[in-house]
Protein backbone atom coordinates (compact mmCIF):
# COMPACT_ATOMS: atom_id res chain seq x y z
CA MET A 1 -12.63 1.98 -8.91
CA GLU A 2 -12.94 2.63 -5.22
CA ASN A 3 -12.11 6.04 -3.79
CA LEU A 4 -10.73 5.80 -0.25
CA SER A 5 -9.38 9.30 0.30
CA SER A 6 -10.73 11.12 3.32
CA GLU A 7 -11.25 14.38 1.41
CA GLY A 8 -13.73 12.89 -1.08
CA ARG A 9 -13.77 12.27 -4.81
CA ASN A 10 -12.53 15.71 -5.86
CA SER A 11 -9.38 15.65 -3.76
CA LYS A 12 -5.99 16.42 -5.23
CA HIS A 13 -4.84 12.86 -4.35
CA ALA A 14 -7.59 10.58 -5.60
CA LEU A 15 -6.99 7.02 -4.34
CA GLU A 16 -7.92 3.98 -6.38
CA THR A 17 -7.46 0.24 -5.86
CA LEU A 18 -5.27 -1.85 -8.16
CA SER A 19 -7.12 -4.85 -9.47
CA LYS A 20 -5.35 -6.11 -12.59
CA ARG A 21 -2.55 -8.67 -12.35
CA VAL A 22 -0.51 -6.72 -14.93
CA ASP A 23 -0.32 -3.75 -12.56
CA PHE A 24 0.86 -5.95 -9.67
CA ILE A 25 3.55 -7.53 -11.86
CA ALA A 26 4.75 -4.13 -13.10
CA ALA A 27 5.00 -2.88 -9.52
CA SER A 28 7.02 -5.95 -8.51
CA ARG A 29 9.82 -4.78 -10.84
CA ALA A 30 9.91 -1.29 -9.34
CA GLU A 31 11.34 0.24 -6.16
CA LYS A 32 10.54 -1.53 -2.90
CA PHE A 33 10.73 -0.95 0.81
CA ILE A 34 11.04 -4.01 3.03
CA GLY A 35 10.00 -3.48 6.62
CA LYS A 36 9.36 -5.72 9.61
CA SER A 37 5.62 -5.95 9.12
CA ILE A 38 5.00 -4.86 5.52
CA ILE A 39 6.60 -4.70 2.09
CA VAL A 40 5.74 -1.71 -0.11
CA GLN A 41 6.43 -1.60 -3.85
CA ALA A 42 6.11 1.72 -5.71
CA ARG A 43 5.97 2.44 -9.41
CA PRO A 44 5.15 5.70 -11.23
CA ASN A 45 2.00 5.59 -13.36
CA SER A 46 0.74 7.82 -16.16
CA LEU A 47 -2.44 8.75 -14.28
CA GLU A 48 -2.82 11.61 -11.83
CA THR A 49 -4.09 9.29 -9.10
CA ILE A 50 -2.57 7.16 -6.40
CA ARG A 51 -3.45 3.51 -6.89
CA VAL A 52 -2.94 0.95 -4.12
CA GLY A 53 -3.05 -2.84 -4.28
CA TYR A 54 -3.04 -5.26 -1.35
CA THR A 55 -1.78 -8.83 -1.29
CA ALA A 56 -1.03 -11.48 1.30
CA SER A 57 0.32 -14.89 0.31
CA LYS A 58 -0.38 -18.20 2.02
CA LYS A 59 2.80 -17.67 4.06
CA VAL A 60 0.80 -15.12 6.08
CA GLY A 61 -1.57 -17.89 7.19
CA ASN A 62 -4.98 -19.30 6.45
CA ALA A 63 -7.74 -17.30 4.74
CA VAL A 64 -8.79 -15.63 7.98
CA MET A 65 -5.25 -14.37 8.66
CA ARG A 66 -4.74 -13.22 5.05
CA ASN A 67 -8.01 -11.29 5.07
CA ARG A 68 -7.16 -9.73 8.45
CA ALA A 69 -3.76 -8.66 7.10
CA LYS A 70 -5.35 -7.08 4.01
CA ARG A 71 -8.00 -5.29 6.11
CA ARG A 72 -5.29 -3.84 8.34
CA MET A 73 -3.21 -2.74 5.34
CA ARG A 74 -6.32 -1.16 3.75
CA ALA A 75 -7.11 0.75 6.93
CA ALA A 76 -3.52 1.94 7.37
CA ALA A 77 -3.34 3.01 3.72
CA ALA A 78 -6.64 4.88 3.93
CA GLU A 79 -5.26 6.95 6.81
CA THR A 80 -1.79 7.62 5.35
CA VAL A 81 -1.63 7.47 1.56
CA ALA A 82 -3.52 10.71 0.88
CA GLN A 83 -1.09 12.67 3.05
CA TYR A 84 2.23 10.86 2.52
CA GLY A 85 1.85 9.12 -0.85
CA THR A 86 3.18 10.56 -4.10
CA SER A 87 0.58 11.34 -6.76
CA SER A 88 0.80 9.41 -10.05
CA THR A 89 2.16 6.35 -8.25
CA ASP A 90 1.07 2.74 -7.93
CA TYR A 91 1.72 1.16 -4.53
CA VAL A 92 1.48 -2.54 -3.73
CA LEU A 93 1.32 -3.44 -0.04
CA ILE A 94 2.37 -6.99 0.76
CA GLY A 95 1.63 -8.61 4.11
CA ARG A 96 4.43 -10.38 5.95
CA ALA A 97 4.10 -13.71 7.71
CA GLU A 98 3.46 -13.55 11.47
CA SER A 99 3.91 -9.78 11.67
CA THR A 100 1.28 -7.88 9.65
CA CYS A 101 -1.56 -9.25 11.79
CA ASN A 102 0.33 -9.08 15.10
CA THR A 103 1.96 -5.65 14.88
CA LYS A 104 0.22 -2.80 16.71
CA PHE A 105 -1.79 -0.71 14.28
CA LYS A 106 0.04 2.53 15.09
CA ASP A 107 3.37 0.76 14.41
CA LEU A 108 2.01 -0.53 11.10
CA LYS A 109 0.97 3.01 10.14
CA PHE A 110 4.34 4.42 11.20
CA GLU A 111 6.16 1.84 9.07
CA LEU A 112 3.90 2.62 6.11
CA ILE A 113 4.58 6.36 6.45
CA HIS A 114 8.32 5.63 6.63
CA ALA A 115 8.03 3.51 3.45
CA PHE A 116 6.17 6.26 1.57
CA LYS A 117 8.81 8.81 2.53
CA LYS A 118 11.69 6.53 1.51
CA LEU A 119 10.09 5.58 -1.80
CA SER A 120 9.18 9.17 -2.73
CA VAL A 121 12.82 10.21 -2.30
CA ARG A 122 14.05 7.34 -4.50
CA GLN A 123 11.60 8.15 -7.30
CA LYS A 124 12.72 11.78 -7.67
């Protein structure tokens, strides 16, 4: 698993990447935040880590656009999840057509922070 947290491997919020389809499906049945440029699904897990998955469907565009959307979501998550994410949670970030690639990066980060705050309140 990949560790993306800025504090290093021994941080209190270790960050891992979701890779199994089962985890993505489980997160799709959980709480979600729908924003202008991103959809965030959150589901508690039994681990003490934050796991994040990234997906962009063909509605986002061709392969170049989908990869750009996922790179932007990865970068935004790397800067925000460790501080605003809830430990022991799986997050799935879903790119939106026409907006994930075209939104300013600071606006994308702001929307992601807003999603984390909303979803952490709902889970408690």
